[in-house]
C-alpha atoms as a PDB file:
ATOM      1  CA  UNK A   1     -23.657 -11.273 -13.916  1.00  0.00           C
ATOM      2  CA  UNK A   2     -23.554  -7.745 -14.012  1.00  0.00           C
ATOM      3  CA  UNK A   3     -25.503  -5.497 -12.205  1.00  0.00           C
ATOM      4  CA  UNK A   4     -25.164  -3.662  -9.075  1.00  0.00           C
ATOM      5  CA  UNK A   5     -21.762  -1.825  -9.525  1.00  0.00           C
ATOM      6  CA  UNK A   6     -20.439  -5.072 -11.030  1.00  0.00           C
ATOM      7  CA  UNK A   7     -19.521  -5.255 -15.067  1.00  0.00           C
ATOM      8  CA  UNK A   8     -19.537  -9.102 -15.223  1.00  0.00           C
ATOM      9  CA  UNK A   9     -17.474 -11.588 -16.799  1.00  0.00           C
ATOM     10  CA  UNK A  10     -17.222 -10.660 -20.402  1.00  0.00           C
ATOM     11  CA  UNK A  11     -14.350 -11.953 -22.942  1.00  0.00           C
ATOM     12  CA  UNK A  12     -12.020  -9.294 -22.862  1.00  0.00           C
ATOM     13  CA  UNK A  13     -13.476  -6.569 -20.406  1.00  0.00           C
ATOM     14  CA  UNK A  14     -16.033  -6.461 -17.235  1.00  0.00           C
ATOM     15  CA  UNK A  15     -12.736  -7.055 -14.678  1.00  0.00           C
ATOM     16  CA  UNK A  16      -9.419  -4.371 -13.523  1.00  0.00           C
ATOM     17  CA  UNK A  17      -7.621  -7.191 -15.220  1.00  0.00           C
ATOM     18  CA  UNK A  18      -9.159  -7.664 -18.577  1.00  0.00           C
ATOM     19  CA  UNK A  19     -10.294 -11.313 -18.428  1.00  0.00           C
ATOM     20  CA  UNK A  20     -10.646 -12.695 -21.876  1.00  0.00           C
ATOM     21  CA  UNK A  21     -12.578 -15.822 -22.307  1.00  0.00           C
ATOM     22  CA  UNK A  22     -10.398 -19.269 -23.126  1.00  0.00           C
ATOM     23  CA  UNK A  23      -7.699 -17.936 -21.977  1.00  0.00           C
ATOM     24  CA  UNK A  24      -6.047 -19.302 -18.864  1.00  0.00           C
ATOM     25  CA  UNK A  25      -3.799 -16.260 -16.949  1.00  0.00           C
ATOM     26  CA  UNK A  26      -4.952 -12.857 -17.504  1.00  0.00           C
ATOM     27  CA  UNK A  27      -3.153 -10.256 -15.805  1.00  0.00           C
ATOM     28  CA  UNK A  28      -3.115 -12.681 -12.791  1.00  0.00           C
ATOM     29  CA  UNK A  29      -7.036 -13.259 -12.507  1.00  0.00           C
ATOM     30  CA  UNK A  30      -7.977 -16.334 -14.065  1.00  0.00           C
ATOM     31  CA  UNK A  31      -7.041 -19.266 -14.250  1.00  0.00           C
ATOM     32  CA  UNK A  32      -6.257 -22.308 -16.856  1.00  0.00           C
ATOM     33  CA  UNK A  33      -9.178 -24.940 -17.301  1.00  0.00           C
ATOM     34  CA  UNK A  34      -6.716 -27.526 -16.358  1.00  0.00           C
ATOM     35  CA  UNK A  35      -6.259 -25.815 -13.050  1.00  0.00           C
ATOM     36  CA  UNK A  36      -6.589 -29.250 -11.553  1.00  0.00           C
ATOM     37  CA  UNK A  37      -3.374 -30.091 -11.535  1.00  0.00           C
ATOM     38  CA  UNK A  38      -1.534 -26.416 -10.908  1.00  0.00           C
ATOM     39  CA  UNK A  39      -0.361 -25.771  -8.209  1.00  0.00           C
ATOM     40  CA  UNK A  40      -2.644 -23.002  -5.606  1.00  0.00           C
ATOM     41  CA  UNK A  41      -1.800 -19.639  -6.616  1.00  0.00           C
ATOM     42  CA  UNK A  42      -4.541 -17.940  -5.480  1.00  0.00           C
ATOM     43  CA  UNK A  43      -6.324 -16.912  -2.165  1.00  0.00           C
ATOM     44  CA  UNK A  44     -10.440 -17.097  -1.222  1.00  0.00           C
ATOM     45  CA  UNK A  45     -10.522 -13.319  -0.083  1.00  0.00           C
ATOM     46  CA  UNK A  46     -13.199 -14.174   2.255  1.00  0.00           C
ATOM     47  CA  UNK A  47     -11.881 -17.344   4.582  1.00  0.00           C
ATOM     48  CA  UNK A  48      -7.814 -16.481   3.023  1.00  0.00           C
ATOM     49  CA  UNK A  49      -8.019 -20.234   1.830  1.00  0.00           C
ATOM     50  CA  UNK A  50      -5.713 -21.426  -1.046  1.00  0.00           C
ATOM     51  CA  UNK A  51      -7.509 -21.919  -4.627  1.00  0.00           C
ATOM     52  CA  UNK A  52      -6.239 -23.151  -7.483  1.00  0.00           C
ATOM     53  CA  UNK A  53      -8.840 -21.058 -10.424  1.00  0.00           C
ATOM     54  CA  UNK A  54     -10.793 -18.160  -9.783  1.00  0.00           C
ATOM     55  CA  UNK A  55     -13.537 -19.239 -12.318  1.00  0.00           C
ATOM     56  CA  UNK A  56     -13.887 -21.921 -14.824  1.00  0.00           C
ATOM     57  CA  UNK A  57     -13.888 -21.295 -18.837  1.00  0.00           C
ATOM     58  CA  UNK A  58     -16.664 -23.650 -20.785  1.00  0.00           C
ATOM     59  CA  UNK A  59     -15.555 -21.746 -23.308  1.00  0.00           C
ATOM     60  CA  UNK A  60     -18.392 -19.839 -25.958  1.00  0.00           C
ATOM     61  CA  UNK A  61     -17.869 -17.000 -23.328  1.00  0.00           C
ATOM     62  CA  UNK A  62     -19.672 -18.967 -20.181  1.00  0.00           C
ATOM     63  CA  UNK A  63     -17.358 -18.438 -17.323  1.00  0.00           C
ATOM     64  CA  UNK A  64     -18.451 -19.579 -13.670  1.00  0.00           C
ATOM     65  CA  UNK A  65     -16.703 -18.121 -10.724  1.00  0.00           C
ATOM     66  CA  UNK A  66     -15.501 -20.776  -8.555  1.00  0.00           C
ATOM     67  CA  UNK A  67     -16.850 -21.555  -5.534  1.00  0.00           C
ATOM     68  CA  UNK A  68     -14.370 -22.159  -2.163  1.00  0.00           C
ATOM     69  CA  UNK A  69     -14.266 -25.622  -0.826  1.00  0.00           C
ATOM     70  CA  UNK A  70     -14.055 -24.232   2.777  1.00  0.00           C
ATOM     71  CA  UNK A  71     -16.463 -21.282   3.480  1.00  0.00           C
ATOM     72  CA  UNK A  72     -18.793 -22.090   0.365  1.00  0.00           C
ATOM     73  CA  UNK A  73     -18.663 -18.669  -0.924  1.00  0.00           C
ATOM     74  CA  UNK A  74     -17.413 -17.598  -4.117  1.00  0.00           C
ATOM     75  CA  UNK A  75     -13.136 -17.096  -4.108  1.00  0.00           C
ATOM     76  CA  UNK A  76     -12.761 -13.703  -5.404  1.00  0.00           C
ATOM     77  CA  UNK A  77     -16.145 -11.889  -6.271  1.00  0.00           C
ATOM     78  CA  UNK A  78     -14.388  -8.673  -7.261  1.00  0.00           C
ATOM     79  CA  UNK A  79     -13.098 -10.058 -10.566  1.00  0.00           C
ATOM     80  CA  UNK A  80     -16.387  -9.084 -11.775  1.00  0.00           C
ATOM     81  CA  UNK A  81     -16.801  -5.854 -10.267  1.00  0.00           C
ATOM     82  CA  UNK A  82     -15.279  -2.616 -11.372  1.00  0.00           C
ATOM     83  CA  UNK A  83     -11.621  -0.772 -10.295  1.00  0.00           C
ATOM     84  CA  UNK A  84     -13.689   2.052  -8.554  1.00  0.00           C
ATOM     85  CA  UNK A  85     -15.480  -0.408  -6.443  1.00  0.00           C
ATOM     86  CA  UNK A  86     -12.143  -2.083  -5.959  1.00  0.00           C
ATOM     87  CA  UNK A  87     -10.754   1.113  -4.665  1.00  0.00           C
ATOM     88  CA  UNK A  88     -13.236   1.971  -2.546  1.00  0.00           C
ATOM     89  CA  UNK A  89     -13.685  -1.203  -0.742  1.00  0.00           C
ATOM     90  CA  UNK A  90      -9.330  -0.893  -1.030  1.00  0.00           C
ATOM     91  CA  UNK A  91      -9.854   2.945   1.145  1.00  0.00           C
ATOM     92  CA  UNK A  92     -12.472   1.353   3.568  1.00  0.00           C
ATOM     93  CA  UNK A  93     -10.146  -1.181   4.056  1.00  0.00           C
ATOM     94  CA  UNK A  94     -12.120  -3.901   3.932  1.00  0.00           C
ATOM     95  CA  UNK A  95      -9.575  -7.352   4.286  1.00  0.00           C
ATOM     96  CA  UNK A  96     -11.182  -8.949   0.799  1.00  0.00           C
ATOM     97  CA  UNK A  97     -10.557  -6.056  -1.246  1.00  0.00           C
ATOM     98  CA  UNK A  98      -6.500  -6.286   0.530  1.00  0.00           C
ATOM     99  CA  UNK A  99      -7.047  -9.813  -0.653  1.00  0.00           C
ATOM    100  CA  UNK A 100      -8.098  -9.808  -4.423  1.00  0.00           C
ATOM    101  CA  UNK A 101      -5.167  -6.972  -4.581  1.00  0.00           C
ATOM    102  CA  UNK A 102      -2.210  -8.649  -3.344  1.00  0.00           C
ATOM    103  CA  UNK A 103      -3.290 -12.656  -4.139  1.00  0.00           C
ATOM    104  CA  UNK A 104      -5.297 -12.378  -7.522  1.00  0.00           C
ATOM    105  CA  UNK A 105      -3.967 -10.077  -9.096  1.00  0.00           C
ATOM    106  CA  UNK A 106      -0.338  -9.380 -10.908  1.00  0.00           C
ATOM    107  CA  UNK A 107       0.712  -5.590  -9.926  1.00  0.00           C
ATOM    108  CA  UNK A 108       3.896  -4.478 -10.671  1.00  0.00           C
ATOM    109  CA  UNK A 109       3.654  -0.997  -9.837  1.00  0.00           C
ATOM    110  CA  UNK A 110       5.386  -1.274  -6.310  1.00  0.00           C
ATOM    111  CA  UNK A 111       8.421   0.746  -7.071  1.00  0.00           C
ATOM    112  CA  UNK A 112       7.000   3.641  -8.938  1.00  0.00           C
ATOM    113  CA  UNK A 113       4.358   4.294  -6.336  1.00  0.00           C
ATOM    114  CA  UNK A 114       6.950   3.524  -3.425  1.00  0.00           C
ATOM    115  CA  UNK A 115       9.219   6.831  -5.663  1.00  0.00           C
ATOM    116  CA  UNK A 116       6.289   8.841  -5.708  1.00  0.00           C
ATOM    117  CA  UNK A 117       4.830   8.950  -2.181  1.00  0.00           C
ATOM    118  CA  UNK A 118       8.755   9.834  -0.977  1.00  0.00           C
ATOM    119  CA  UNK A 119       8.722  12.288  -3.780  1.00  0.00           C
ATOM    120  CA  UNK A 120       4.929  13.831  -2.065  1.00  0.00           C
ATOM    121  CA  UNK A 121       6.468  13.054   1.418  1.00  0.00           C
ATOM    122  CA  UNK A 122       9.685  15.164   0.370  1.00  0.00           C
ATOM    123  CA  UNK A 123       7.370  17.797  -1.438  1.00  0.00           C
ATOM    124  CA  UNK A 124       5.725  18.615   1.787  1.00  0.00           C
ATOM    125  CA  UNK A 125       8.627  19.003   4.197  1.00  0.00           C
ATOM    126  CA  UNK A 126      10.525  21.029   1.529  1.00  0.00           C
ATOM    127  CA  UNK A 127       7.986  23.505   1.306  1.00  0.00           C
ATOM    128  CA  UNK A 128       7.232  23.396   5.628  1.00  0.00           C
ATOM    129  CA  UNK A 129      11.081  24.021   5.425  1.00  0.00           C
ATOM    130  CA  UNK A 130      11.033  26.995   3.092  1.00  0.00           C
ATOM    131  CA  UNK A 131       7.842  28.315   3.771  1.00  0.00           C
ATOM    132  CA  UNK A 132       9.630  29.386   7.606  1.00  0.00           C
ATOM    133  CA  UNK A 133      12.632  30.820   5.896  1.00  0.00           C
ATOM    134  CA  UNK A 134      11.181  33.480   3.686  1.00  0.00           C
ATOM    135  CA  UNK A 135      13.781  35.824   2.057  1.00  0.00           C
ATOM    136  CA  UNK A 136      12.369  38.643   0.192  1.00  0.00           C
ATOM    137  CA  UNK A 137      15.900  39.906  -0.799  1.00  0.00           C
ATOM    138  CA  UNK A 138      15.360  39.868  -4.592  1.00  0.00           C
ATOM    139  CA  UNK A 139      19.621  39.777  -4.829  1.00  0.00           C
ATOM    140  CA  UNK A 140      19.307  36.337  -2.424  1.00  0.00           C
ATOM    141  CA  UNK A 141      21.249  33.985  -4.802  1.00  0.00           C
ATOM    142  CA  UNK A 142      21.313  31.543  -2.425  1.00  0.00           C
ATOM    143  CA  UNK A 143      17.499  30.361  -3.692  1.00  0.00           C
ATOM    144  CA  UNK A 144      18.920  28.605  -6.216  1.00  0.00           C
ATOM    145  CA  UNK A 145      20.577  26.514  -3.913  1.00  0.00           C
ATOM    146  CA  UNK A 146      17.116  25.651  -2.584  1.00  0.00           C
ATOM    147  CA  UNK A 147      17.112  22.725  -5.272  1.00  0.00           C
ATOM    148  CA  UNK A 148      19.679  20.637  -2.791  1.00  0.00           C
ATOM    149  CA  UNK A 149      17.154  20.866   0.199  1.00  0.00           C
ATOM    150  CA  UNK A 150      14.577  18.768  -1.680  1.00  0.00           C
ATOM    151  CA  UNK A 151      16.753  16.443  -2.594  1.00  0.00           C
ATOM    152  CA  UNK A 152      17.906  16.083   1.418  1.00  0.00           C
ATOM    153  CA  UNK A 153      14.217  15.976   2.121  1.00  0.00           C
ATOM    154  CA  UNK A 154      13.789  13.093  -0.081  1.00  0.00           C
ATOM    155  CA  UNK A 155      17.291  10.952   1.253  1.00  0.00           C
ATOM    156  CA  UNK A 156      15.571  12.118   5.190  1.00  0.00           C
ATOM    157  CA  UNK A 157      12.018  10.482   3.807  1.00  0.00           C
ATOM    158  CA  UNK A 158      13.549   7.436   2.451  1.00  0.00           C
ATOM    159  CA  UNK A 159      15.707   6.783   5.278  1.00  0.00           C
ATOM    160  CA  UNK A 160      13.440   7.106   7.501  1.00  0.00           C
ATOM    161  CA  UNK A 161      10.214   4.454   5.584  1.00  0.00           C
ATOM    162  CA  UNK A 162      13.056   2.153   5.446  1.00  0.00           C
ATOM    163  CA  UNK A 163      13.661   2.534   8.799  1.00  0.00           C
ATOM    164  CA  UNK A 164       9.815   2.171   9.486  1.00  0.00           C
ATOM    165  CA  UNK A 165       9.650  -0.949   7.075  1.00  0.00           C
ATOM    166  CA  UNK A 166      13.088  -2.694   9.302  1.00  0.00           C
ATOM    167  CA  UNK A 167      11.108  -1.771  12.684  1.00  0.00           C
ATOM    168  CA  UNK A 168       8.209  -4.041  11.094  1.00  0.00           C
ATOM    169  CA  UNK A 169       9.957  -7.245   9.619  1.00  0.00           C
ATOM    170  CA  UNK A 170      12.396  -7.431  12.504  1.00  0.00           C
ATOM    171  CA  UNK A 171       9.193  -7.426  15.081  1.00  0.00           C
ATOM    172  CA  UNK A 172       7.988 -10.288  12.697  1.00  0.00           C
ATOM    173  CA  UNK A 173      10.950 -11.944  12.235  1.00  0.00           C
ATOM    174  CA  UNK A 174      11.194 -12.299  16.035  1.00  0.00           C
ATOM    175  CA  UNK A 175       7.709 -13.265  17.211  1.00  0.00           C
ATOM    176  CA  UNK A 176       7.291 -15.418  14.295  1.00  0.00           C
ATOM    177  CA  UNK A 177       6.168 -18.663  15.702  1.00  0.00           C
ATOM    178  CA  UNK A 178       8.927 -21.208  15.046  1.00  0.00           C
ATOM    179  CA  UNK A 179       6.447 -24.375  14.365  1.00  0.00           C
ATOM    180  CA  UNK A 180       4.797 -22.865  11.570  1.00  0.00           C
ATOM    181  CA  UNK A 181       4.733 -25.117   8.975  1.00  0.00           C
ATOM    182  CA  UNK A 182       5.729 -21.622   6.359  1.00  0.00           C
ATOM    183  CA  UNK A 183       8.275 -19.396   6.431  1.00  0.00           C
ATOM    184  CA  UNK A 184       6.470 -15.793   6.171  1.00  0.00           C
ATOM    185  CA  UNK A 185       6.573 -14.230   2.414  1.00  0.00           C
ATOM    186  CA  UNK A 186       8.575 -10.979   3.635  1.00  0.00           C
ATOM    187  CA  UNK A 187       8.862 -10.260   0.037  1.00  0.00           C
ATOM    188  CA  UNK A 188       4.952 -10.051  -0.625  1.00  0.00           C
ATOM    189  CA  UNK A 189       4.577  -7.974   2.617  1.00  0.00           C
ATOM    190  CA  UNK A 190       7.354  -5.730   0.956  1.00  0.00           C
ATOM    191  CA  UNK A 191       5.112  -4.875  -1.687  1.00  0.00           C
ATOM    192  CA  UNK A 192       1.722  -4.804   0.621  1.00  0.00           C
ATOM    193  CA  UNK A 193       3.488  -2.097   1.957  1.00  0.00           C
ATOM    194  CA  UNK A 194       4.884  -0.087  -0.726  1.00  0.00           C
ATOM    195  CA  UNK A 195       1.386  -0.318  -2.366  1.00  0.00           C
ATOM    196  CA  UNK A 196      -0.691  -0.171   1.293  1.00  0.00           C
ATOM    197  CA  UNK A 197       1.747   3.545   1.763  1.00  0.00           C
ATOM    198  CA  UNK A 198      -0.907   5.255  -1.346  1.00  0.00           C
ATOM    199  CA  UNK A 199      -1.981   7.183   1.160  1.00  0.00           C
ATOM    200  CA  UNK A 200       0.735   9.309   1.319  1.00  0.00           C
ATOM    201  CA  UNK A 201      -0.070  10.921  -2.480  1.00  0.00           C
ATOM    202  CA  UNK A 202      -3.161  12.917  -0.623  1.00  0.00           C
ATOM    203  CA  UNK A 203      -0.241  14.771   0.858  1.00  0.00           C
ATOM    204  CA  UNK A 204       0.076  16.596  -2.233  1.00  0.00           C
ATOM    205  CA  UNK A 205      -3.179  18.357  -2.606  1.00  0.00           C
ATOM    206  CA  UNK A 206      -2.917  18.736   1.260  1.00  0.00           C
ATOM    207  CA  UNK A 207      -0.136  21.372  -0.039  1.00  0.00           C
ATOM    208  CA  UNK A 208      -1.915  23.106  -2.953  1.00  0.00           C
ATOM    209  CA  UNK A 209      -5.062  23.997  -1.021  1.00  0.00           C
ATOM    210  CA  UNK A 210      -3.854  25.099   2.433  1.00  0.00           C
ATOM    211  CA  UNK A 211      -6.010  26.036   4.791  1.00  0.00           C
ATOM    212  CA  UNK A 212      -6.508  26.617   8.844  1.00  0.00           C
ATOM    213  CA  UNK A 213      -6.682  23.104   8.651  1.00  0.00           C
ATOM    214  CA  UNK A 214      -3.878  21.277   6.699  1.00  0.00           C
ATOM    215  CA  UNK A 215      -2.026  20.606  10.234  1.00  0.00           C
ATOM    216  CA  UNK A 216      -4.818  18.124  11.244  1.00  0.00           C
ATOM    217  CA  UNK A 217      -5.400  17.299   7.683  1.00  0.00           C
ATOM    218  CA  UNK A 218      -1.724  15.802   7.751  1.00  0.00           C
ATOM    219  CA  UNK A 219      -2.335  14.159  10.993  1.00  0.00           C
ATOM    220  CA  UNK A 220      -5.491  11.935   9.117  1.00  0.00           C
ATOM    221  CA  UNK A 221      -3.494  11.149   6.474  1.00  0.00           C
ATOM    222  CA  UNK A 222      -0.629   9.693   8.686  1.00  0.00           C
ATOM    223  CA  UNK A 223      -3.506   7.787  10.694  1.00  0.00           C
ATOM    224  CA  UNK A 224      -4.681   6.437   6.963  1.00  0.00           C
ATOM    225  CA  UNK A 225      -1.738   5.582   6.118  1.00  0.00           C
ATOM    226  CA  UNK A 226      -0.355   3.426   9.047  1.00  0.00           C
ATOM    227  CA  UNK A 227      -4.458   1.498   9.192  1.00  0.00           C
ATOM    228  CA  UNK A 228      -3.854   0.718   5.578  1.00  0.00           C
ATOM    229  CA  UNK A 229      -0.252  -0.855   6.932  1.00  0.00           C
ATOM    230  CA  UNK A 230      -1.462  -2.212   9.503  1.00  0.00           C
ATOM    231  CA  UNK A 231      -4.531  -3.989   6.942  1.00  0.00           C
ATOM    232  CA  UNK A 232      -1.566  -5.250   4.789  1.00  0.00           C
ATOM    233  CA  UNK A 233       0.204  -6.768   7.333  1.00  0.00           C
ATOM    234  CA  UNK A 234      -2.563  -9.193   8.822  1.00  0.00           C
ATOM    235  CA  UNK A 235      -3.742  -9.700   5.162  1.00  0.00           C
ATOM    236  CA  UNK A 236      -0.120 -10.759   3.654  1.00  0.00           C
ATOM    237  CA  UNK A 237       0.671 -12.822   6.804  1.00  0.00           C
ATOM    238  CA  UNK A 238      -2.777 -13.986   7.971  1.00  0.00           C
ATOM    239  CA  UNK A 239      -1.763 -13.134  11.765  1.00  0.00           C
ATOM    240  CA  UNK A 240      -3.713 -11.185  14.506  1.00  0.00           C
ATOM    241  CA  UNK A 241      -4.984  -7.837  15.029  1.00  0.00           C
ATOM    242  CA  UNK A 242      -2.951  -7.505  18.156  1.00  0.00           C
ATOM    243  CA  UNK A 243       0.459  -8.753  16.231  1.00  0.00           C
ATOM    244  CA  UNK A 244       0.006  -6.360  13.270  1.00  0.00           C
ATOM    245  CA  UNK A 245      -1.198  -3.237  15.674  1.00  0.00           C
ATOM    246  CA  UNK A 246       2.518  -4.329  17.622  1.00  0.00           C
ATOM    247  CA  UNK A 247       4.635  -4.887  14.388  1.00  0.00           C
ATOM    248  CA  UNK A 248       3.229  -0.908  13.472  1.00  0.00           C
ATOM    249  CA  UNK A 249       4.206   0.115  16.951  1.00  0.00           C
ATOM    250  CA  UNK A 250       8.099  -1.602  16.241  1.00  0.00           C
ATOM    251  CA  UNK A 251       8.235   0.103  13.011  1.00  0.00           C
ATOM    252  CA  UNK A 252       7.288   3.675  14.651  1.00  0.00           C
ATOM    253  CA  UNK A 253       9.734   3.209  17.389  1.00  0.00           C
ATOM    254  CA  UNK A 254      12.524   2.536  15.241  1.00  0.00           C
ATOM    255  CA  UNK A 255      11.353   5.386  12.306  1.00  0.00           C
ATOM    256  CA  UNK A 256      11.367   7.489  15.642  1.00  0.00           C
ATOM    257  CA  UNK A 257      14.539   6.438  16.164  1.00  0.00           C
ATOM    258  CA  UNK A 258      16.199   7.608  13.146  1.00  0.00           C
ATOM    259  CA  UNK A 259      13.997  11.028  13.378  1.00  0.00           C
ATOM    260  CA  UNK A 260      15.887  11.407  16.969  1.00  0.00           C
ATOM    261  CA  UNK A 261      19.235  10.662  15.040  1.00  0.00           C
ATOM    262  CA  UNK A 262      18.588  13.176  12.333  1.00  0.00           C
ATOM    263  CA  UNK A 263      17.666  16.017  14.511  1.00  0.00           C
ATOM    264  CA  UNK A 264      21.346  15.386  16.903  1.00  0.00           C
ATOM    265  CA  UNK A 265      22.978  15.526  13.903  1.00  0.00           C
ATOM    266  CA  UNK A 266      20.867  19.031  12.412  1.00  0.00           C
ATOM    267  CA  UNK A 267      19.485  17.208   9.408  1.00  0.00           C
ATOM    268  CA  UNK A 268      16.518  18.079   9.358  1.00  0.00           C
ATOM    269  CA  UNK A 269      15.978  20.877  11.420  1.00  0.00           C
ATOM    270  CA  UNK A 270      16.735  24.525   9.471  1.00  0.00           C
ATOM    271  CA  UNK A 271      16.473  27.604  11.701  1.00  0.00           C
ATOM    272  CA  UNK A 272      13.664  27.585  13.983  1.00  0.00           C
ATOM    273  CA  UNK A 273      11.307  25.977  10.819  1.00  0.00           C
ATOM    274  CA  UNK A 274       8.204  23.473  12.035  1.00  0.00           C
ATOM    275  CA  UNK A 275       9.158  20.711   9.119  1.00  0.00           C
ATOM    276  CA  UNK A 276       7.142  17.197   8.591  1.00  0.00           C
ATOM    277  CA  UNK A 277       8.371  15.478  11.401  1.00  0.00           C
ATOM    278  CA  UNK A 278       7.964  18.023  13.971  1.00  0.00           C
ATOM    279  CA  UNK A 279       3.653  17.984  13.126  1.00  0.00           C
ATOM    280  CA  UNK A 280       4.019  14.374  13.905  1.00  0.00           C
ATOM    281  CA  UNK A 281       3.869  13.137  10.537  1.00  0.00           C
END
């Protein structure tokens, strides 16, 4: 193993989580050799069936990827892939890459990523607000108070994202099958939604390198984020594309309602400025 963009399973390195030979679990990627008695905590990235281990360590650095009993394919081929390859597959919204990230790794950056994405969104709104209210008066002391506009935009972006998530959870709770054997893991779904919103990081480059196509770029970023959210819902809950799509629509409906309330209260409007939401993002 270890060709064609792969790094191979080597002791101490060779996968994004640093699998080490002889260790049972390295950053949530490897399972213990005695996993036969352990509960199923991983997922096959191909068929979504539960698995007790991702690879077996035969000592002396001899590692063998576990084969799924259901689809007869490797449970998680990504454990021997370079992080760049995994990132590219995630950008392409491949379900296998999402299952690897959500089920077979331990990523504890959801909160930090959420805050950073909200800061990017707030900066875009604040930049559009300031751009529409230019004041060339050198004695304009009010410009020092414009910092508070950024905090206001951050609060608005946070509330709108919260409304979006509430809309998704509400729809999925209502549509949850009453005869389901397992309850949906909404905690994992929340983490998946936060991680799949990473596309908002592209807002800052779109603002820095402003050009005539910036509004189009913003709309494309919005579509990319929604597509990532759609895939995260489908993979996490293992539901149909139709339900995932309707969940996204439910979130957008709740978010639009929140935007309408802000506009009615004139929280989200400057004097004749076209802000983030007025550009459909």
